[in-house]
């Protein structure tokens, strides 16, 4: 017999760190009129890992808090109208 273990994905939630990222993006956009770059987010929140932040931004997009496009373009983060 072959047993297959099926792992259900854990529900993603708005953690303390994701909330800090979201609040910084919102504040930055209100002050400047455009989104911060990933480098600016990392510097403001004293984060070192680029890939970790990228995953957090992707999760915030999956949860519907931001619109985030993987691109070579700068500043590709948007706040949906119903969130602002």
Foldseek 3Di string as FASTA:
>chain_A
DDDDDDDDDDDDDCDPVLVLLLVVQVVCCVVPVAGAFLVVSCVVVVHDDSVVSVVSLVVCVVVQQWPADDDPDTRRIGGDPVND
